[in-house]
Full PDB file with SEQRES, HELIX, SHEET, SSBOND, CRYST1, ORIGX, SCALE, CONECT and MASTER records, all heavy atoms in Angstrom:
SEQRES   1 A   39  VAL VAL SER LYS SER GLU VAL LEU ARG SER VAL TRP ASP          
SEQRES   2 A   39  ALA ASN TYR ARG GLY ASP ASP ASN ILE VAL GLU VAL TYR          
SEQRES   3 A   39  VAL SER TYR LEU ARG LYS ARG ILE ASP VAL PRO PHE GLY          
HELIX    1 AA1 LYS A    4  VAL A   11  1                                   8    
HELIX    2 AA2 ILE A   22  LEU A   30  1                                   9    
HELIX    3 AA3 ARG A   31  ASP A   35  3                                   5    
HELIX    4 AA4 VAL A   36  PHE A   38  5                                   3    
CRYST1    1.000    1.000    1.000  90.00  90.00  90.00 P 1           1          
ORIGX1      1.000000  0.000000  0.000000        0.00000                         
ORIGX2      0.000000  1.000000  0.000000        0.00000                         
ORIGX3      0.000000  0.000000  1.000000        0.00000                         
SCALE1      1.000000  0.000000  0.000000        0.00000                         
SCALE2      0.000000  1.000000  0.000000        0.00000                         
SCALE3      0.000000  0.000000  1.000000        0.00000                         
ATOM      1  N   VAL A   1      -8.106   4.266  -0.355  1.00  0.00           N  
ATOM      2  CA  VAL A   1      -7.933   2.866   0.020  1.00  0.00           C  
ATOM      3  C   VAL A   1      -9.299   2.255   0.321  1.00  0.00           C  
ATOM      4  O   VAL A   1     -10.096   2.827   1.067  1.00  0.00           O  
ATOM      5  CB  VAL A   1      -7.023   2.729   1.253  1.00  0.00           C  
ATOM      6  CG1 VAL A   1      -6.877   1.257   1.645  1.00  0.00           C  
ATOM      7  CG2 VAL A   1      -5.648   3.333   0.988  1.00  0.00           C  
ATOM      8  N   VAL A   2      -9.584   1.105  -0.276  1.00  0.00           N  
ATOM      9  CA  VAL A   2     -10.841   0.402  -0.031  1.00  0.00           C  
ATOM     10  C   VAL A   2     -10.532  -0.976   0.532  1.00  0.00           C  
ATOM     11  O   VAL A   2      -9.556  -1.620   0.142  1.00  0.00           O  
ATOM     12  CB  VAL A   2     -11.683   0.277  -1.313  1.00  0.00           C  
ATOM     13  CG1 VAL A   2     -12.141   1.648  -1.791  1.00  0.00           C  
ATOM     14  CG2 VAL A   2     -10.917  -0.436  -2.419  1.00  0.00           C  
ATOM     15  N   SER A   3     -11.351  -1.427   1.449  1.00  0.00           N  
ATOM     16  CA  SER A   3     -11.139  -2.725   2.088  1.00  0.00           C  
ATOM     17  C   SER A   3     -11.767  -3.840   1.255  1.00  0.00           C  
ATOM     18  O   SER A   3     -12.575  -3.596   0.361  1.00  0.00           O  
ATOM     19  CB  SER A   3     -11.771  -2.727   3.484  1.00  0.00           C  
ATOM     20  OG  SER A   3     -13.190  -2.605   3.381  1.00  0.00           O  
ATOM     21  N   LYS A   4     -11.398  -5.067   1.582  1.00  0.00           N  
ATOM     22  CA  LYS A   4     -11.983  -6.217   0.903  1.00  0.00           C  
ATOM     23  C   LYS A   4     -13.493  -6.232   1.087  1.00  0.00           C  
ATOM     24  O   LYS A   4     -14.238  -6.544   0.153  1.00  0.00           O  
ATOM     25  CB  LYS A   4     -11.388  -7.518   1.443  1.00  0.00           C  
ATOM     26  CG  LYS A   4      -9.970  -7.817   1.006  1.00  0.00           C  
ATOM     27  CD  LYS A   4      -9.547  -9.182   1.549  1.00  0.00           C  
ATOM     28  CE  LYS A   4      -8.112  -9.510   1.159  1.00  0.00           C  
ATOM     29  NZ  LYS A   4      -7.699 -10.824   1.708  1.00  0.00           N  
ATOM     30  N   SER A   5     -13.940  -5.910   2.295  1.00  0.00           N  
ATOM     31  CA  SER A   5     -15.386  -5.949   2.564  1.00  0.00           C  
ATOM     32  C   SER A   5     -16.133  -4.922   1.716  1.00  0.00           C  
ATOM     33  O   SER A   5     -17.244  -5.181   1.245  1.00  0.00           O  
ATOM     34  CB  SER A   5     -15.668  -5.717   4.048  1.00  0.00           C  
ATOM     35  OG  SER A   5     -15.171  -4.457   4.470  1.00  0.00           O  
ATOM     36  N   GLU A   6     -15.532  -3.749   1.499  1.00  0.00           N  
ATOM     37  CA  GLU A   6     -16.162  -2.748   0.638  1.00  0.00           C  
ATOM     38  C   GLU A   6     -16.273  -3.252  -0.790  1.00  0.00           C  
ATOM     39  O   GLU A   6     -17.295  -3.052  -1.461  1.00  0.00           O  
ATOM     40  CB  GLU A   6     -15.358  -1.448   0.665  1.00  0.00           C  
ATOM     41  CG  GLU A   6     -15.461  -0.652   1.945  1.00  0.00           C  
ATOM     42  CD  GLU A   6     -14.625   0.608   1.869  1.00  0.00           C  
ATOM     43  OE1 GLU A   6     -13.401   0.530   2.166  1.00  0.00           O  
ATOM     44  OE2 GLU A   6     -15.175   1.663   1.505  1.00  0.00           O  
ATOM     45  N   VAL A   7     -15.209  -3.886  -1.266  1.00  0.00           N  
ATOM     46  CA  VAL A   7     -15.226  -4.432  -2.621  1.00  0.00           C  
ATOM     47  C   VAL A   7     -16.303  -5.499  -2.747  1.00  0.00           C  
ATOM     48  O   VAL A   7     -17.082  -5.513  -3.707  1.00  0.00           O  
ATOM     49  CB  VAL A   7     -13.847  -5.017  -3.000  1.00  0.00           C  
ATOM     50  CG1 VAL A   7     -13.922  -5.674  -4.376  1.00  0.00           C  
ATOM     51  CG2 VAL A   7     -12.782  -3.929  -2.978  1.00  0.00           C  
ATOM     52  N   LEU A   8     -16.373  -6.385  -1.765  1.00  0.00           N  
ATOM     53  CA  LEU A   8     -17.366  -7.457  -1.805  1.00  0.00           C  
ATOM     54  C   LEU A   8     -18.783  -6.911  -1.815  1.00  0.00           C  
ATOM     55  O   LEU A   8     -19.637  -7.370  -2.582  1.00  0.00           O  
ATOM     56  CB  LEU A   8     -17.175  -8.401  -0.612  1.00  0.00           C  
ATOM     57  CG  LEU A   8     -15.951  -9.324  -0.659  1.00  0.00           C  
ATOM     58  CD1 LEU A   8     -15.785 -10.057   0.659  1.00  0.00           C  
ATOM     59  CD2 LEU A   8     -16.075 -10.314  -1.817  1.00  0.00           C  
ATOM     60  N   ARG A   9     -19.053  -5.906  -0.976  1.00  0.00           N  
ATOM     61  CA  ARG A   9     -20.407  -5.334  -0.913  1.00  0.00           C  
ATOM     62  C   ARG A   9     -20.796  -4.668  -2.229  1.00  0.00           C  
ATOM     63  O   ARG A   9     -21.953  -4.712  -2.648  1.00  0.00           O  
ATOM     64  CB  ARG A   9     -20.513  -4.311   0.220  1.00  0.00           C  
ATOM     65  CG  ARG A   9     -20.617  -4.906   1.606  1.00  0.00           C  
ATOM     66  CD  ARG A   9     -21.089  -3.872   2.609  1.00  0.00           C  
ATOM     67  NE  ARG A   9     -20.225  -2.703   2.649  1.00  0.00           N  
ATOM     68  CZ  ARG A   9     -19.169  -2.578   3.448  1.00  0.00           C  
ATOM     69  NH1 ARG A   9     -18.843  -3.580   4.244  1.00  0.00           N  
ATOM     70  NH2 ARG A   9     -18.442  -1.473   3.449  1.00  0.00           N  
ATOM     71  N   SER A  10     -19.829  -4.047  -2.886  1.00  0.00           N  
ATOM     72  CA  SER A  10     -20.131  -3.269  -4.075  1.00  0.00           C  
ATOM     73  C   SER A  10     -20.069  -4.075  -5.369  1.00  0.00           C  
ATOM     74  O   SER A  10     -20.836  -3.817  -6.294  1.00  0.00           O  
ATOM     75  CB  SER A  10     -19.160  -2.079  -4.174  1.00  0.00           C  
ATOM     76  OG  SER A  10     -19.288  -1.239  -3.059  1.00  0.00           O  
ATOM     77  N   VAL A  11     -19.151  -5.037  -5.435  1.00  0.00           N  
ATOM     78  CA  VAL A  11     -18.944  -5.755  -6.687  1.00  0.00           C  
ATOM     79  C   VAL A  11     -19.641  -7.116  -6.678  1.00  0.00           C  
ATOM     80  O   VAL A  11     -20.122  -7.578  -7.709  1.00  0.00           O  
ATOM     81  CB  VAL A  11     -17.438  -5.926  -6.963  1.00  0.00           C  
ATOM     82  CG1 VAL A  11     -17.207  -6.645  -8.292  1.00  0.00           C  
ATOM     83  CG2 VAL A  11     -16.744  -4.570  -6.962  1.00  0.00           C  
ATOM     84  N   TRP A  12     -19.712  -7.758  -5.531  1.00  0.00           N  
ATOM     85  CA  TRP A  12     -20.483  -8.985  -5.406  1.00  0.00           C  
ATOM     86  C   TRP A  12     -21.858  -8.563  -4.904  1.00  0.00           C  
ATOM     87  O   TRP A  12     -22.591  -7.924  -5.605  1.00  0.00           O  
ATOM     88  CB  TRP A  12     -19.759  -9.971  -4.482  1.00  0.00           C  
ATOM     89  CG  TRP A  12     -18.691 -10.779  -5.192  1.00  0.00           C  
ATOM     90  CD1 TRP A  12     -18.797 -12.070  -5.609  1.00  0.00           C  
ATOM     91  CD2 TRP A  12     -17.373 -10.333  -5.582  1.00  0.00           C  
ATOM     92  NE1 TRP A  12     -17.639 -12.465  -6.240  1.00  0.00           N  
ATOM     93  CE2 TRP A  12     -16.746 -11.425  -6.238  1.00  0.00           C  
ATOM     94  CE3 TRP A  12     -16.665  -9.136  -5.450  1.00  0.00           C  
ATOM     95  CZ2 TRP A  12     -15.454 -11.356  -6.749  1.00  0.00           C  
ATOM     96  CZ3 TRP A  12     -15.383  -9.058  -5.965  1.00  0.00           C  
ATOM     97  CH2 TRP A  12     -14.793 -10.146  -6.606  1.00  0.00           C  
ATOM     98  N   ASP A  13     -22.200  -8.815  -3.680  1.00  0.00           N  
ATOM     99  CA  ASP A  13     -23.430  -8.258  -3.109  1.00  0.00           C  
ATOM    100  C   ASP A  13     -23.394  -8.432  -1.604  1.00  0.00           C  
ATOM    101  O   ASP A  13     -22.526  -9.115  -1.057  1.00  0.00           O  
ATOM    102  CB  ASP A  13     -24.695  -8.904  -3.706  1.00  0.00           C  
ATOM    103  CG  ASP A  13     -24.762 -10.404  -3.462  1.00  0.00           C  
ATOM    104  OD1 ASP A  13     -24.797 -10.820  -2.290  1.00  0.00           O  
ATOM    105  OD2 ASP A  13     -24.798 -11.161  -4.452  1.00  0.00           O  
ATOM    106  N   ALA A  14     -24.354  -7.815  -0.929  1.00  0.00           N  
ATOM    107  CA  ALA A  14     -24.347  -7.793   0.537  1.00  0.00           C  
ATOM    108  C   ALA A  14     -24.549  -9.183   1.124  1.00  0.00           C  
ATOM    109  O   ALA A  14     -24.212  -9.427   2.283  1.00  0.00           O  
ATOM    110  CB  ALA A  14     -25.431  -6.847   1.044  1.00  0.00           C  
ATOM    111  N   ASN A  15     -25.086 -10.131   0.343  1.00  0.00           N  
ATOM    112  CA  ASN A  15     -25.377 -11.470   0.853  1.00  0.00           C  
ATOM    113  C   ASN A  15     -24.269 -12.476   0.552  1.00  0.00           C  
ATOM    114  O   ASN A  15     -24.412 -13.651   0.875  1.00  0.00           O  
ATOM    115  CB  ASN A  15     -26.699 -11.973   0.250  1.00  0.00           C  
ATOM    116  CG  ASN A  15     -27.870 -11.097   0.651  1.00  0.00           C  
ATOM    117  OD1 ASN A  15     -28.002 -10.728   1.810  1.00  0.00           O  
ATOM    118  ND2 ASN A  15     -28.721 -10.765  -0.323  1.00  0.00           N  
ATOM    119  N   TYR A  16     -23.173 -12.016  -0.053  1.00  0.00           N  
ATOM    120  CA  TYR A  16     -22.080 -12.931  -0.370  1.00  0.00           C  
ATOM    121  C   TYR A  16     -21.491 -13.495   0.915  1.00  0.00           C  
ATOM    122  O   TYR A  16     -21.158 -12.757   1.847  1.00  0.00           O  
ATOM    123  CB  TYR A  16     -21.000 -12.204  -1.163  1.00  0.00           C  
ATOM    124  CG  TYR A  16     -19.790 -13.059  -1.470  1.00  0.00           C  
ATOM    125  CD1 TYR A  16     -19.831 -14.010  -2.482  1.00  0.00           C  
ATOM    126  CD2 TYR A  16     -18.608 -12.908  -0.738  1.00  0.00           C  
ATOM    127  CE1 TYR A  16     -18.726 -14.797  -2.766  1.00  0.00           C  
ATOM    128  CE2 TYR A  16     -17.499 -13.692  -1.019  1.00  0.00           C  
ATOM    129  CZ  TYR A  16     -17.562 -14.638  -2.028  1.00  0.00           C  
ATOM    130  OH  TYR A  16     -16.456 -15.424  -2.308  1.00  0.00           O  
ATOM    131  N   ARG A  17     -21.366 -14.803   0.982  1.00  0.00           N  
ATOM    132  CA  ARG A  17     -20.861 -15.447   2.196  1.00  0.00           C  
ATOM    133  C   ARG A  17     -19.628 -16.304   1.924  1.00  0.00           C  
ATOM    134  O   ARG A  17     -19.222 -17.110   2.756  1.00  0.00           O  
ATOM    135  CB  ARG A  17     -21.968 -16.335   2.810  1.00  0.00           C  
ATOM    136  CG  ARG A  17     -23.163 -15.545   3.328  1.00  0.00           C  
ATOM    137  CD  ARG A  17     -22.783 -14.693   4.533  1.00  0.00           C  
ATOM    138  NE  ARG A  17     -23.911 -13.928   5.044  1.00  0.00           N  
ATOM    139  CZ  ARG A  17     -24.230 -12.701   4.684  1.00  0.00           C  
ATOM    140  NH1 ARG A  17     -23.472 -12.078   3.761  1.00  0.00           N  
ATOM    141  NH2 ARG A  17     -25.264 -12.074   5.173  1.00  0.00           N  
ATOM    142  N   GLY A  18     -19.015 -16.126   0.764  1.00  0.00           N  
ATOM    143  CA  GLY A  18     -17.834 -16.909   0.427  1.00  0.00           C  
ATOM    144  C   GLY A  18     -16.571 -16.337   1.050  1.00  0.00           C  
ATOM    145  O   GLY A  18     -16.601 -15.395   1.854  1.00  0.00           O  
ATOM    146  N   ASP A  19     -15.453 -16.892   0.657  1.00  0.00           N  
ATOM    147  CA  ASP A  19     -14.147 -16.478   1.166  1.00  0.00           C  
ATOM    148  C   ASP A  19     -13.805 -15.099   0.611  1.00  0.00           C  
ATOM    149  O   ASP A  19     -13.883 -14.866  -0.609  1.00  0.00           O  
ATOM    150  CB  ASP A  19     -13.100 -17.501   0.710  1.00  0.00           C  
ATOM    151  CG  ASP A  19     -11.768 -17.325   1.408  1.00  0.00           C  
ATOM    152  OD1 ASP A  19     -11.482 -16.191   1.855  1.00  0.00           O  
ATOM    153  OD2 ASP A  19     -11.006 -18.304   1.490  1.00  0.00           O  
ATOM    154  N   ASP A  20     -13.402 -14.184   1.504  1.00  0.00           N  
ATOM    155  CA  ASP A  20     -13.080 -12.839   1.019  1.00  0.00           C  
ATOM    156  C   ASP A  20     -11.768 -12.803   0.237  1.00  0.00           C  
ATOM    157  O   ASP A  20     -11.420 -11.786  -0.365  1.00  0.00           O  
ATOM    158  CB  ASP A  20     -13.061 -11.815   2.154  1.00  0.00           C  
ATOM    159  CG  ASP A  20     -11.966 -12.065   3.182  1.00  0.00           C  
ATOM    160  OD1 ASP A  20     -11.163 -12.995   3.005  1.00  0.00           O  
ATOM    161  OD2 ASP A  20     -11.920 -11.313   4.176  1.00  0.00           O  
ATOM    162  N   ASN A  21     -11.051 -13.933   0.209  1.00  0.00           N  
ATOM    163  CA  ASN A  21      -9.836 -13.994  -0.607  1.00  0.00           C  
ATOM    164  C   ASN A  21     -10.144 -13.941  -2.100  1.00  0.00           C  
ATOM    165  O   ASN A  21      -9.230 -13.778  -2.918  1.00  0.00           O  
ATOM    166  CB  ASN A  21      -9.040 -15.266  -0.294  1.00  0.00           C  
ATOM    167  CG  ASN A  21      -8.289 -15.149   1.023  1.00  0.00           C  
ATOM    168  OD1 ASN A  21      -7.947 -14.040   1.451  1.00  0.00           O  
ATOM    169  ND2 ASN A  21      -8.045 -16.269   1.669  1.00  0.00           N  
ATOM    170  N   ILE A  22     -11.426 -14.071  -2.459  1.00  0.00           N  
ATOM    171  CA  ILE A  22     -11.811 -13.930  -3.860  1.00  0.00           C  
ATOM    172  C   ILE A  22     -11.409 -12.557  -4.395  1.00  0.00           C  
ATOM    173  O   ILE A  22     -11.119 -12.397  -5.576  1.00  0.00           O  
ATOM    174  CB  ILE A  22     -13.335 -14.154  -4.027  1.00  0.00           C  
ATOM    175  CG1 ILE A  22     -13.704 -14.282  -5.503  1.00  0.00           C  
ATOM    176  CG2 ILE A  22     -14.130 -13.035  -3.376  1.00  0.00           C  
ATOM    177  CD1 ILE A  22     -13.214 -15.523  -6.171  1.00  0.00           C  
ATOM    178  N   VAL A  23     -11.370 -11.564  -3.498  1.00  0.00           N  
ATOM    179  CA  VAL A  23     -10.958 -10.223  -3.913  1.00  0.00           C  
ATOM    180  C   VAL A  23      -9.508 -10.245  -4.370  1.00  0.00           C  
ATOM    181  O   VAL A  23      -9.158  -9.660  -5.410  1.00  0.00           O  
ATOM    182  CB  VAL A  23     -11.149  -9.206  -2.771  1.00  0.00           C  
ATOM    183  CG1 VAL A  23     -10.616  -7.829  -3.186  1.00  0.00           C  
ATOM    184  CG2 VAL A  23     -12.616  -9.109  -2.387  1.00  0.00           C  
ATOM    185  N   GLU A  24      -8.651 -10.926  -3.625  1.00  0.00           N  
ATOM    186  CA  GLU A  24      -7.241 -11.028  -4.013  1.00  0.00           C  
ATOM    187  C   GLU A  24      -7.098 -11.701  -5.373  1.00  0.00           C  
ATOM    188  O   GLU A  24      -6.270 -11.294  -6.200  1.00  0.00           O  
ATOM    189  CB  GLU A  24      -6.468 -11.828  -2.966  1.00  0.00           C  
ATOM    190  CG  GLU A  24      -6.366 -11.162  -1.609  1.00  0.00           C  
ATOM    191  CD  GLU A  24      -5.598 -12.022  -0.625  1.00  0.00           C  
ATOM    192  OE1 GLU A  24      -4.807 -12.881  -1.085  1.00  0.00           O  
ATOM    193  OE2 GLU A  24      -5.792 -11.842   0.585  1.00  0.00           O  
ATOM    194  N   VAL A  25      -7.914 -12.721  -5.600  1.00  0.00           N  
ATOM    195  CA  VAL A  25      -7.866 -13.444  -6.870  1.00  0.00           C  
ATOM    196  C   VAL A  25      -8.177 -12.490  -8.020  1.00  0.00           C  
ATOM    197  O   VAL A  25      -7.471 -12.460  -9.031  1.00  0.00           O  
ATOM    198  CB  VAL A  25      -8.856 -14.624  -6.863  1.00  0.00           C  
ATOM    199  CG1 VAL A  25      -8.929 -15.262  -8.251  1.00  0.00           C  
ATOM    200  CG2 VAL A  25      -8.445 -15.660  -5.820  1.00  0.00           C  
ATOM    201  N   TYR A  26      -9.227 -11.675  -7.856  1.00  0.00           N  
ATOM    202  CA  TYR A  26      -9.623 -10.783  -8.946  1.00  0.00           C  
ATOM    203  C   TYR A  26      -8.690  -9.586  -9.091  1.00  0.00           C  
ATOM    204  O   TYR A  26      -8.529  -9.051 -10.192  1.00  0.00           O  
ATOM    205  CB  TYR A  26     -11.079 -10.351  -8.771  1.00  0.00           C  
ATOM    206  CG  TYR A  26     -12.013 -11.354  -9.408  1.00  0.00           C  
ATOM    207  CD1 TYR A  26     -12.464 -12.449  -8.681  1.00  0.00           C  
ATOM    208  CD2 TYR A  26     -12.396 -11.233 -10.730  1.00  0.00           C  
ATOM    209  CE1 TYR A  26     -13.294 -13.396  -9.263  1.00  0.00           C  
ATOM    210  CE2 TYR A  26     -13.222 -12.174 -11.328  1.00  0.00           C  
ATOM    211  CZ  TYR A  26     -13.675 -13.248 -10.586  1.00  0.00           C  
ATOM    212  OH  TYR A  26     -14.473 -14.190 -11.178  1.00  0.00           O  
ATOM    213  N   VAL A  27      -8.058  -9.174  -8.000  1.00  0.00           N  
ATOM    214  CA  VAL A  27      -7.019  -8.148  -8.111  1.00  0.00           C  
ATOM    215  C   VAL A  27      -5.884  -8.683  -8.980  1.00  0.00           C  
ATOM    216  O   VAL A  27      -5.355  -7.979  -9.855  1.00  0.00           O  
ATOM    217  CB  VAL A  27      -6.497  -7.731  -6.729  1.00  0.00           C  
ATOM    218  CG1 VAL A  27      -5.184  -6.957  -6.853  1.00  0.00           C  
ATOM    219  CG2 VAL A  27      -7.530  -6.875  -6.010  1.00  0.00           C  
ATOM    220  N   SER A  28      -5.529  -9.951  -8.769  1.00  0.00           N  
ATOM    221  CA  SER A  28      -4.475 -10.570  -9.574  1.00  0.00           C  
ATOM    222  C   SER A  28      -4.885 -10.641 -11.039  1.00  0.00           C  
ATOM    223  O   SER A  28      -4.083 -10.333 -11.939  1.00  0.00           O  
ATOM    224  CB  SER A  28      -4.180 -11.979  -9.040  1.00  0.00           C  
ATOM    225  OG  SER A  28      -3.233 -12.642  -9.850  1.00  0.00           O  
ATOM    226  N   TYR A  29      -6.150 -11.033 -11.287  1.00  0.00           N  
ATOM    227  CA  TYR A  29      -6.638 -11.078 -12.666  1.00  0.00           C  
ATOM    228  C   TYR A  29      -6.540  -9.700 -13.325  1.00  0.00           C  
ATOM    229  O   TYR A  29      -6.092  -9.570 -14.473  1.00  0.00           O  
ATOM    230  CB  TYR A  29      -8.098 -11.534 -12.704  1.00  0.00           C  
ATOM    231  CG  TYR A  29      -8.343 -12.969 -12.341  1.00  0.00           C  
ATOM    232  CD1 TYR A  29      -9.622 -13.402 -11.987  1.00  0.00           C  
ATOM    233  CD2 TYR A  29      -7.325 -13.919 -12.365  1.00  0.00           C  
ATOM    234  CE1 TYR A  29      -9.885 -14.721 -11.662  1.00  0.00           C  
ATOM    235  CE2 TYR A  29      -7.573 -15.242 -12.030  1.00  0.00           C  
ATOM    236  CZ  TYR A  29      -8.861 -15.632 -11.674  1.00  0.00           C  
ATOM    237  OH  TYR A  29      -9.100 -16.944 -11.343  1.00  0.00           O  
ATOM    238  N   LEU A  30      -6.997  -8.668 -12.613  1.00  0.00           N  
ATOM    239  CA  LEU A  30      -6.986  -7.313 -13.170  1.00  0.00           C  
ATOM    240  C   LEU A  30      -5.577  -6.833 -13.479  1.00  0.00           C  
ATOM    241  O   LEU A  30      -5.329  -6.215 -14.519  1.00  0.00           O  
ATOM    242  CB  LEU A  30      -7.659  -6.344 -12.200  1.00  0.00           C  
ATOM    243  CG  LEU A  30      -9.169  -6.176 -12.313  1.00  0.00           C  
ATOM    244  CD1 LEU A  30      -9.655  -5.164 -11.275  1.00  0.00           C  
ATOM    245  CD2 LEU A  30      -9.574  -5.729 -13.715  1.00  0.00           C  
ATOM    246  N   ARG A  31      -4.660  -7.096 -12.562  1.00  0.00           N  
ATOM    247  CA  ARG A  31      -3.276  -6.676 -12.793  1.00  0.00           C  
ATOM    248  C   ARG A  31      -2.723  -7.297 -14.073  1.00  0.00           C  
ATOM    249  O   ARG A  31      -1.968  -6.652 -14.812  1.00  0.00           O  
ATOM    250  CB  ARG A  31      -2.408  -7.052 -11.591  1.00  0.00           C  
ATOM    251  CG  ARG A  31      -2.607  -6.138 -10.382  1.00  0.00           C  
ATOM    252  CD  ARG A  31      -1.872  -6.653  -9.182  1.00  0.00           C  
ATOM    253  NE  ARG A  31      -1.891  -5.680  -8.087  1.00  0.00           N  
ATOM    254  CZ  ARG A  31      -1.757  -6.001  -6.808  1.00  0.00           C  
ATOM    255  NH1 ARG A  31      -1.574  -7.283  -6.461  1.00  0.00           N  
ATOM    256  NH2 ARG A  31      -1.794  -5.068  -5.882  1.00  0.00           N  
ATOM    257  N   LYS A  32      -3.097  -8.538 -14.341  1.00  0.00           N  
ATOM    258  CA  LYS A  32      -2.612  -9.211 -15.550  1.00  0.00           C  
ATOM    259  C   LYS A  32      -3.220  -8.606 -16.810  1.00  0.00           C  
ATOM    260  O   LYS A  32      -2.680  -8.773 -17.908  1.00  0.00           O  
ATOM    261  CB  LYS A  32      -2.931 -10.704 -15.479  1.00  0.00           C  
ATOM    262  CG  LYS A  32      -2.118 -11.444 -14.421  1.00  0.00           C  
ATOM    263  CD  LYS A  32      -2.542 -12.903 -14.318  1.00  0.00           C  
ATOM    264  CE  LYS A  32      -1.742 -13.613 -13.223  1.00  0.00           C  
ATOM    265  NZ  LYS A  32      -2.183 -15.022 -13.048  1.00  0.00           N  
ATOM    266  N   ARG A  33      -4.355  -7.914 -16.662  1.00  0.00           N  
ATOM    267  CA  ARG A  33      -5.020  -7.312 -17.824  1.00  0.00           C  
ATOM    268  C   ARG A  33      -4.586  -5.862 -18.049  1.00  0.00           C  
ATOM    269  O   ARG A  33      -4.296  -5.464 -19.178  1.00  0.00           O  
ATOM    270  CB  ARG A  33      -6.543  -7.341 -17.630  1.00  0.00           C  
ATOM    271  CG  ARG A  33      -7.154  -8.695 -17.371  1.00  0.00           C  
ATOM    272  CD  ARG A  33      -7.276  -9.536 -18.624  1.00  0.00           C  
ATOM    273  NE  ARG A  33      -8.140 -10.680 -18.396  1.00  0.00           N  
ATOM    274  CZ  ARG A  33      -7.759 -11.834 -17.858  1.00  0.00           C  
ATOM    275  NH1 ARG A  33      -6.496 -12.001 -17.521  1.00  0.00           N  
ATOM    276  NH2 ARG A  33      -8.611 -12.829 -17.677  1.00  0.00           N  
ATOM    277  N   ILE A  34      -4.555  -5.078 -16.958  1.00  0.00           N  
ATOM    278  CA  ILE A  34      -4.380  -3.625 -17.136  1.00  0.00           C  
ATOM    279  C   ILE A  34      -3.002  -3.114 -16.739  1.00  0.00           C  
ATOM    280  O   ILE A  34      -2.650  -1.977 -17.091  1.00  0.00           O  
ATOM    281  CB  ILE A  34      -5.444  -2.844 -16.334  1.00  0.00           C  
ATOM    282  CG1 ILE A  34      -5.238  -3.039 -14.827  1.00  0.00           C  
ATOM    283  CG2 ILE A  34      -6.847  -3.224 -16.761  1.00  0.00           C  
ATOM    284  CD1 ILE A  34      -6.084  -2.124 -13.958  1.00  0.00           C  
ATOM    285  N   ASP A  35      -2.228  -3.929 -16.029  1.00  0.00           N  
ATOM    286  CA  ASP A  35      -0.930  -3.453 -15.543  1.00  0.00           C  
ATOM    287  C   ASP A  35       0.256  -4.159 -16.176  1.00  0.00           C  
ATOM    288  O   ASP A  35       1.105  -3.538 -16.831  1.00  0.00           O  
ATOM    289  CB  ASP A  35      -0.854  -3.608 -14.013  1.00  0.00           C  
ATOM    290  CG  ASP A  35      -1.561  -2.490 -13.282  1.00  0.00           C  
ATOM    291  OD1 ASP A  35      -1.919  -1.482 -13.923  1.00  0.00           O  
ATOM    292  OD2 ASP A  35      -1.783  -2.614 -12.061  1.00  0.00           O  
ATOM    293  N   VAL A  36       0.335  -5.462 -15.977  1.00  0.00           N  
ATOM    294  CA  VAL A  36       1.527  -6.221 -16.375  1.00  0.00           C  
ATOM    295  C   VAL A  36       1.904  -6.032 -17.847  1.00  0.00           C  
ATOM    296  O   VAL A  36       3.076  -5.747 -18.148  1.00  0.00           O  
ATOM    297  CB  VAL A  36       1.353  -7.718 -16.043  1.00  0.00           C  
ATOM    298  CG1 VAL A  36       2.547  -8.524 -16.576  1.00  0.00           C  
ATOM    299  CG2 VAL A  36       1.216  -7.906 -14.531  1.00  0.00           C  
ATOM    300  N   PRO A  37       0.952  -6.130 -18.786  1.00  0.00           N  
ATOM    301  CA  PRO A  37       1.355  -5.990 -20.195  1.00  0.00           C  
ATOM    302  C   PRO A  37       1.881  -4.604 -20.559  1.00  0.00           C  
ATOM    303  O   PRO A  37       2.539  -4.437 -21.582  1.00  0.00           O  
ATOM    304  CB  PRO A  37       0.045  -6.282 -20.955  1.00  0.00           C  
ATOM    305  CG  PRO A  37      -0.817  -7.026 -19.991  1.00  0.00           C  
ATOM    306  CD  PRO A  37      -0.477  -6.461 -18.658  1.00  0.00           C  
ATOM    307  N   PHE A  38       1.582  -3.609 -19.713  1.00  0.00           N  
ATOM    308  CA  PHE A  38       1.955  -2.228 -20.023  1.00  0.00           C  
ATOM    309  C   PHE A  38       3.053  -1.683 -19.099  1.00  0.00           C  
ATOM    310  O   PHE A  38       3.415  -0.516 -19.178  1.00  0.00           O  
ATOM    311  CB  PHE A  38       0.726  -1.330 -19.918  1.00  0.00           C  
ATOM    312  CG  PHE A  38      -0.407  -1.764 -20.810  1.00  0.00           C  
ATOM    313  CD1 PHE A  38      -1.401  -2.599 -20.317  1.00  0.00           C  
ATOM    314  CD2 PHE A  38      -0.450  -1.376 -22.132  1.00  0.00           C  
ATOM    315  CE1 PHE A  38      -2.445  -3.016 -21.139  1.00  0.00           C  
ATOM    316  CE2 PHE A  38      -1.486  -1.784 -22.963  1.00  0.00           C  
ATOM    317  CZ  PHE A  38      -2.492  -2.619 -22.464  1.00  0.00           C  
ATOM    318  N   GLY A  39       3.558  -2.548 -18.214  1.00  0.00           N  
ATOM    319  CA  GLY A  39       4.593  -2.100 -17.285  1.00  0.00           C  
ATOM    320  C   GLY A  39       4.080  -1.081 -16.282  1.00  0.00           C  
ATOM    321  O   GLY A  39       4.837  -0.215 -15.826  1.00  0.00           O  
TER     322      GLY A  39                                                      
MASTER        0    0    0    4    0    0    0    6  321    1    0    3          
END                                                                             
């Protein structure tokens, strides 16, 4: 299990100061690419 802050530090950068809900947005994007079409 990884937290939103871990994702932000690793995928964005340590200086990111935006809304951490961006992680939820990209999780949704990924699910539509790698999960939903394949069940």
